[in-house]
Amino acid sequence: MFYKFLNKRKKLFFYMFLFIFIISFTLYLYSQSSENTFSKISYNTLKRIDLNGDKKNDILYIKVHNDNYYIQASVNNHNFSLQPEKSVKSLGKAQSNPIQIYFNDLNNDNKLEIFTQSFYGKEPIQHVFLFTDSGFKDIFCSSNNVLGFINLNKTLPKFITGKFENEFYFKSYVLLENKLNELSYYPKEDFIGKKAITEFIKIMESISSIKKNNFRKLCHENISGKSIENINKILDEFDMYIYNNSNFMAKNISKDNIETTWVIDFKGISFNNNVSNNCSIELKLRKSKDNLNKFKIYSIKEI
């Protein structure tokens, strides 16, 4: 009887251990996926992240010297510099619009591509760096001011780059054989919520006294009261905003539902005291229940 009791206790402890292990491992994978898929960091920062897919954290360091940005990576005790080799041989100038860095695994090989977005004077700069045996290779450069990713279930991630000039112009790429290949595929008319984002930017850039009423037309039926408070505070903070650049991520949140997260950088201007400052606004969009082809804003905050 005593031995049976011990055996039952052993089984109980074993199943408890197994349950805790499964939960912990699942949370670990989720945290790794969330961290590695789409991260944003600023300059003069040391970032620990697995760049080469060996399940060990590497180190990425962003620094400024003589107003120029430099990025170095330490992978398996080897140090590499991210050298821009394309038409714009610069990672950007350290100025009022700081560099932004993103990570994504475009070809599902567990190695992260590095995406940079910055300015050289008033000109926006984008670079994409691919990890190879000899270091990081600059495989893409542009003067675009929009950068995004479409990560949907069972499909190869797509890199989207483009410009905003009163409306959005996009190009779509996939990474094949270590090269970015442009696709004839383009997102559906409002696939990533670009209509709502376009209207939002126009509202922010206007000096109209009815901004708040115009914004409410873009709101999802389930938007929170906190988000309404946030936008009212943002609209009251400056008299006018000027668009700088933006980035987005579109992903599945369920089998049939897509969520798009946008981060838009503006320069805010106050007329009275002649003050200007940068601000970043995060918006989350989902399909409206009354129109499944239309995205609306259901969350907004300044970050």
Protein backbone atom coordinates (compact mmCIF):
# COMPACT_ATOMS: atom_id res chain seq x y z
CA MET A 1 0.00 0.00 0.00
CA PHE A 2 2.81 2.40 0.95
CA TYR A 3 4.64 1.72 -2.32
CA LYS A 4 1.47 2.29 -4.32
CA PHE A 5 1.08 5.62 -2.55
CA LEU A 6 4.66 6.55 -3.47
CA ASN A 7 4.07 5.54 -7.09
CA LYS A 8 0.95 7.70 -7.22
CA ARG A 9 2.88 10.64 -5.78
CA LYS A 10 5.67 10.12 -8.33
CA LYS A 11 3.15 10.08 -11.16
CA LEU A 12 1.47 13.19 -9.80
CA PHE A 13 4.79 15.06 -9.55
CA PHE A 14 5.76 13.84 -13.02
CA TYR A 15 2.54 15.13 -14.61
CA MET A 16 2.80 18.41 -12.71
CA PHE A 17 6.38 18.82 -13.91
CA LEU A 18 5.37 17.95 -17.48
CA PHE A 19 2.50 20.46 -17.40
CA ILE A 20 4.71 23.25 -16.04
CA PHE A 21 7.41 22.45 -18.61
CA ILE A 22 4.96 22.57 -21.53
CA ILE A 23 3.48 25.89 -20.38
CA SER A 24 6.90 27.41 -19.75
CA PHE A 25 8.27 26.23 -23.08
CA THR A 26 5.22 27.54 -24.93
CA LEU A 27 5.59 30.94 -23.27
CA TYR A 28 9.30 30.93 -24.11
CA LEU A 29 8.62 30.22 -27.79
CA TYR A 30 5.95 32.89 -27.87
CA SER A 31 8.27 35.46 -26.31
CA GLN A 32 11.05 34.54 -28.74
CA SER A 33 8.69 34.77 -31.70
CA SER A 34 7.28 38.10 -30.57
CA GLU A 35 10.73 39.50 -29.92
CA ASN A 36 12.38 38.31 -33.11
CA THR A 37 9.62 38.97 -35.58
CA PHE A 38 9.27 42.71 -35.29
CA SER A 39 11.34 44.80 -32.94
CA LYS A 40 12.19 48.46 -32.93
CA ILE A 41 15.22 49.98 -31.24
CA SER A 42 16.91 53.36 -31.20
CA TYR A 43 20.54 54.48 -31.38
CA ASN A 44 23.25 54.33 -28.70
CA THR A 45 21.68 51.04 -27.68
CA LEU A 46 22.99 47.54 -27.08
CA LYS A 47 20.43 44.95 -28.18
CA ARG A 48 20.58 41.23 -27.36
CA ILE A 49 18.80 39.18 -30.01
CA ASP A 50 19.34 35.87 -31.85
CA LEU A 51 20.45 36.96 -35.33
CA ASN A 52 21.73 33.68 -36.81
CA GLY A 53 19.13 31.22 -35.52
CA ASP A 54 21.35 29.22 -33.14
CA LYS A 55 19.08 29.94 -30.13
CA LYS A 56 21.80 32.11 -28.55
CA ASN A 57 21.52 35.84 -28.09
CA ASP A 58 23.86 37.91 -30.23
CA ILE A 59 24.66 41.57 -29.66
CA LEU A 60 23.76 44.48 -31.90
CA TYR A 61 25.18 47.87 -31.04
CA ILE A 62 24.06 51.16 -32.59
CA LYS A 63 26.29 54.17 -32.02
CA VAL A 64 26.80 57.72 -33.27
CA HIS A 65 30.15 59.20 -34.29
CA ASN A 66 30.53 62.63 -35.89
CA ASP A 67 26.73 62.73 -36.32
CA ASN A 68 26.79 59.51 -38.39
CA TYR A 69 25.14 56.22 -37.43
CA TYR A 70 27.15 53.02 -37.18
CA ILE A 71 25.91 49.51 -36.43
CA GLN A 72 28.03 46.61 -35.22
CA ALA A 73 27.00 43.01 -34.56
CA SER A 74 28.70 40.34 -32.47
CA VAL A 75 27.70 36.85 -33.64
CA ASN A 76 29.41 33.74 -32.21
CA ASN A 77 32.26 35.89 -30.92
CA HIS A 78 32.82 37.39 -34.38
CA ASN A 79 32.35 41.13 -34.85
CA PHE A 80 30.78 42.56 -38.00
CA SER A 81 30.04 46.08 -39.15
CA LEU A 82 26.90 46.76 -41.17
CA GLN A 83 28.38 48.61 -44.12
CA PRO A 84 25.99 50.28 -46.58
CA GLU A 85 27.14 49.33 -50.08
CA LYS A 86 24.27 50.51 -52.24
CA SER A 87 23.65 53.92 -53.84
CA VAL A 88 23.39 55.71 -50.49
CA LYS A 89 26.55 54.76 -48.59
CA SER A 90 25.26 55.93 -45.24
CA LEU A 91 23.09 54.60 -42.43
CA GLY A 92 21.84 58.14 -41.90
CA LYS A 93 22.65 61.24 -39.92
CA ALA A 94 21.92 61.63 -36.23
CA GLN A 95 19.40 64.44 -36.16
CA SER A 96 15.91 65.16 -34.93
CA ASN A 97 14.59 61.96 -36.56
CA PRO A 98 16.50 59.05 -34.96
CA ILE A 99 17.35 55.82 -36.76
CA GLN A 100 14.87 52.95 -36.43
CA ILE A 101 15.87 49.30 -36.70
CA TYR A 102 13.62 46.30 -37.31
CA PHE A 103 14.11 42.55 -37.56
CA ASN A 104 12.25 39.93 -39.56
CA ASP A 105 12.92 36.44 -40.89
CA LEU A 106 11.80 36.83 -44.50
CA ASN A 107 12.72 33.37 -45.83
CA ASN A 108 11.93 31.28 -42.73
CA ASP A 109 15.54 30.11 -42.23
CA ASN A 110 15.57 31.31 -38.58
CA LYS A 111 18.11 34.02 -39.44
CA LEU A 112 16.96 37.59 -39.03
CA GLU A 113 17.27 40.24 -41.69
CA ILE A 114 17.98 43.73 -40.35
CA PHE A 115 16.03 46.72 -41.68
CA THR A 116 17.09 50.31 -41.02
CA GLN A 117 15.07 53.48 -41.55
CA SER A 118 16.63 56.90 -41.04
CA PHE A 119 17.29 60.29 -42.65
CA TYR A 120 20.26 61.89 -44.37
CA GLY A 121 19.35 65.54 -44.12
CA LYS A 122 15.74 65.67 -45.27
CA GLU A 123 16.10 62.55 -47.42
CA PRO A 124 14.76 59.27 -45.96
CA ILE A 125 17.01 56.20 -46.22
CA GLN A 126 16.16 52.51 -45.96
CA HIS A 127 18.60 49.57 -45.93
CA VAL A 128 18.13 45.80 -45.66
CA PHE A 129 21.02 43.66 -44.38
CA LEU A 130 21.26 39.88 -44.89
CA PHE A 131 23.40 37.67 -42.62
CA THR A 132 25.93 35.52 -44.55
CA ASP A 133 29.01 33.47 -43.64
CA SER A 134 31.17 36.55 -44.20
CA GLY A 135 28.97 39.00 -42.31
CA PHE A 136 26.04 41.26 -43.13
CA LYS A 137 25.40 42.15 -46.77
CA ASP A 138 23.48 45.25 -47.86
CA ILE A 139 20.89 43.84 -50.29
CA PHE A 140 18.50 46.79 -50.57
CA CYS A 141 18.55 50.58 -50.37
CA SER A 142 15.87 53.18 -51.07
CA SER A 143 14.75 56.71 -50.28
CA ASN A 144 11.26 55.53 -49.25
CA ASN A 145 9.48 56.66 -46.08
CA VAL A 146 7.22 53.64 -45.47
CA LEU A 147 8.43 50.20 -44.39
CA GLY A 148 6.30 47.21 -43.52
CA PHE A 149 5.83 43.47 -43.29
CA ILE A 150 2.98 41.13 -44.11
CA ASN A 151 3.31 37.95 -42.03
CA LEU A 152 0.32 35.71 -42.65
CA ASN A 153 -0.20 32.06 -41.80
CA LYS A 154 1.40 29.53 -44.16
CA THR A 155 2.81 32.18 -46.50
CA LEU A 156 6.30 33.54 -47.01
CA PRO A 157 6.66 36.90 -45.24
CA LYS A 158 6.56 39.90 -47.56
CA PHE A 159 8.63 43.04 -47.24
CA ILE A 160 6.72 46.19 -48.25
CA THR A 161 8.42 49.48 -48.98
CA GLY A 162 7.02 52.67 -50.41
CA LYS A 163 6.32 56.36 -50.13
CA PHE A 164 3.58 58.47 -48.67
CA GLU A 165 2.91 61.61 -50.70
CA ASN A 166 -0.74 62.42 -49.94
CA GLU A 167 -1.38 58.75 -50.64
CA PHE A 168 0.56 55.48 -50.38
CA TYR A 169 2.66 53.93 -53.13
CA PHE A 170 3.96 50.43 -52.38
CA LYS A 171 6.27 47.78 -53.75
CA SER A 172 6.24 44.22 -52.43
CA TYR A 173 9.24 41.84 -52.13
CA VAL A 174 10.05 38.31 -51.01
CA LEU A 175 13.51 37.00 -50.15
CA LEU A 176 14.59 34.12 -52.40
CA GLU A 177 18.14 32.82 -52.87
CA ASN A 178 19.51 35.69 -50.80
CA LYS A 179 17.95 38.32 -53.06
CA LEU A 180 14.87 40.50 -52.69
CA ASN A 181 12.57 39.77 -55.60
CA GLU A 182 9.83 42.26 -56.46
CA LEU A 183 6.36 40.78 -56.77
CA SER A 184 3.58 41.68 -59.11
CA TYR A 185 1.39 41.00 -56.06
CA TYR A 186 0.12 44.06 -54.27
CA PRO A 187 -2.11 44.17 -51.20
CA LYS A 188 -5.82 44.54 -51.76
CA GLU A 189 -7.17 48.06 -51.84
CA ASP A 190 -7.60 48.35 -48.07
CA PHE A 191 -5.72 45.20 -47.01
CA ILE A 192 -3.38 46.93 -44.56
CA GLY A 193 -5.78 49.69 -43.59
CA LYS A 194 -4.09 52.25 -45.81
CA LYS A 195 -7.34 54.16 -46.39
CA ALA A 196 -7.86 54.81 -42.68
CA ILE A 197 -4.16 55.61 -42.23
CA THR A 198 -4.21 58.02 -45.17
CA GLU A 199 -7.19 59.85 -43.67
CA PHE A 200 -5.57 59.81 -40.24
CA ILE A 201 -2.39 61.44 -41.57
CA LYS A 202 -4.42 64.08 -43.40
CA ILE A 203 -6.32 64.87 -40.19
CA MET A 204 -3.06 65.15 -38.25
CA GLU A 205 -1.52 67.44 -40.87
CA SER A 206 -4.54 69.73 -41.07
CA ILE A 207 -5.18 72.72 -38.81
CA SER A 208 -8.94 72.25 -38.84
CA SER A 209 -10.92 72.82 -35.64
CA ILE A 210 -13.03 69.71 -36.36
CA LYS A 211 -10.13 67.24 -36.25
CA LYS A 212 -11.66 65.22 -33.41
CA ASN A 213 -14.97 64.76 -35.20
CA ASN A 214 -13.16 63.66 -38.36
CA PHE A 215 -11.08 61.16 -36.40
CA ARG A 216 -14.15 59.48 -34.86
CA LYS A 217 -15.29 58.51 -38.36
CA LEU A 218 -12.20 56.29 -38.61
CA CYS A 219 -12.84 54.49 -35.30
CA HIS A 220 -13.71 50.82 -34.94
CA GLU A 221 -16.95 50.10 -33.09
CA ASN A 222 -14.93 48.46 -30.28
CA ILE A 223 -12.43 51.25 -29.74
CA SER A 224 -11.79 51.88 -26.05
CA GLY A 225 -12.47 55.06 -24.13
CA LYS A 226 -8.76 55.20 -23.31
CA SER A 227 -7.90 55.38 -27.02
CA ILE A 228 -10.34 58.27 -27.47
CA GLU A 229 -8.66 60.05 -24.56
CA ASN A 230 -5.27 59.39 -26.15
CA ILE A 231 -6.17 60.89 -29.52
CA ASN A 232 -7.77 63.94 -27.89
CA LYS A 233 -4.56 64.50 -25.94
CA ILE A 234 -2.42 64.02 -29.07
CA LEU A 235 -4.51 66.44 -31.14
CA ASP A 236 -4.35 69.07 -28.38
CA GLU A 237 -0.59 68.73 -27.86
CA PHE A 238 0.44 70.57 -31.05
CA ASP A 239 -1.30 72.85 -33.53
CA MET A 240 -0.09 70.89 -36.55
CA TYR A 241 1.78 67.71 -37.37
CA ILE A 242 4.07 66.92 -40.31
CA TYR A 243 4.48 63.31 -41.46
CA ASN A 244 8.04 61.92 -41.25
CA ASN A 245 7.83 58.17 -41.87
CA SER A 246 5.92 55.07 -40.86
CA ASN A 247 6.11 51.31 -40.50
CA PHE A 248 3.53 48.57 -40.20
CA MET A 249 3.03 44.87 -39.55
CA ALA A 250 0.07 42.86 -40.83
CA LYS A 251 -0.50 39.46 -39.21
CA ASN A 252 -3.21 36.93 -38.46
CA ILE A 253 -4.78 37.11 -35.03
CA SER A 254 -7.17 34.27 -35.89
CA LYS A 255 -7.90 32.08 -38.88
CA ASP A 256 -10.04 34.68 -40.62
CA ASN A 257 -9.04 37.92 -38.93
CA ILE A 258 -6.10 40.19 -39.67
CA GLU A 259 -4.65 42.88 -37.46
CA THR A 260 -2.42 45.66 -38.75
CA THR A 261 -0.23 47.67 -36.42
CA TRP A 262 1.08 51.00 -37.70
CA VAL A 263 3.65 53.28 -36.09
CA ILE A 264 3.68 56.76 -37.61
CA ASP A 265 6.32 59.36 -36.81
CA PHE A 266 5.32 63.02 -36.96
CA LYS A 267 6.93 66.34 -36.22
CA GLY A 268 4.57 68.33 -33.99
CA ILE A 269 4.54 72.13 -34.29
CA SER A 270 3.17 74.72 -31.83
CA PHE A 271 2.44 78.11 -33.40
CA ASN A 272 2.43 80.21 -30.21
CA ASN A 273 5.84 79.34 -28.75
CA ASN A 274 7.43 78.19 -32.02
CA VAL A 275 8.22 74.75 -30.56
CA SER A 276 8.56 71.58 -32.59
CA ASN A 277 9.09 68.03 -31.42
CA ASN A 278 8.88 64.50 -32.76
CA CYS A 279 6.23 62.05 -31.68
CA SER A 280 5.45 58.43 -32.57
CA ILE A 281 1.88 57.20 -32.64
CA GLU A 282 0.90 53.53 -32.64
CA LEU A 283 -2.40 52.54 -34.24
CA LYS A 284 -3.96 49.08 -34.39
CA LEU A 285 -6.54 48.38 -37.07
CA ARG A 286 -9.04 45.58 -37.55
CA LYS A 287 -11.84 44.91 -39.96
CA SER A 288 -15.10 46.63 -39.22
CA LYS A 289 -18.01 44.31 -38.42
CA ASP A 290 -20.35 46.27 -40.66
CA ASN A 291 -17.88 46.17 -43.56
CA LEU A 292 -15.39 43.28 -43.62
CA ASN A 293 -13.47 44.90 -46.48
CA LYS A 294 -12.72 48.01 -44.47
CA PHE A 295 -10.20 48.48 -41.67
CA LYS A 296 -10.83 50.87 -38.80
CA ILE A 297 -8.76 52.09 -35.85
CA TYR A 298 -9.55 50.27 -32.60
CA SER A 299 -6.47 51.27 -30.57
CA ILE A 300 -4.24 54.35 -30.53
CA LYS A 301 -1.52 55.64 -28.23
CA GLU A 302 1.61 57.76 -28.27
CA ILE A 303 4.81 55.77 -27.76
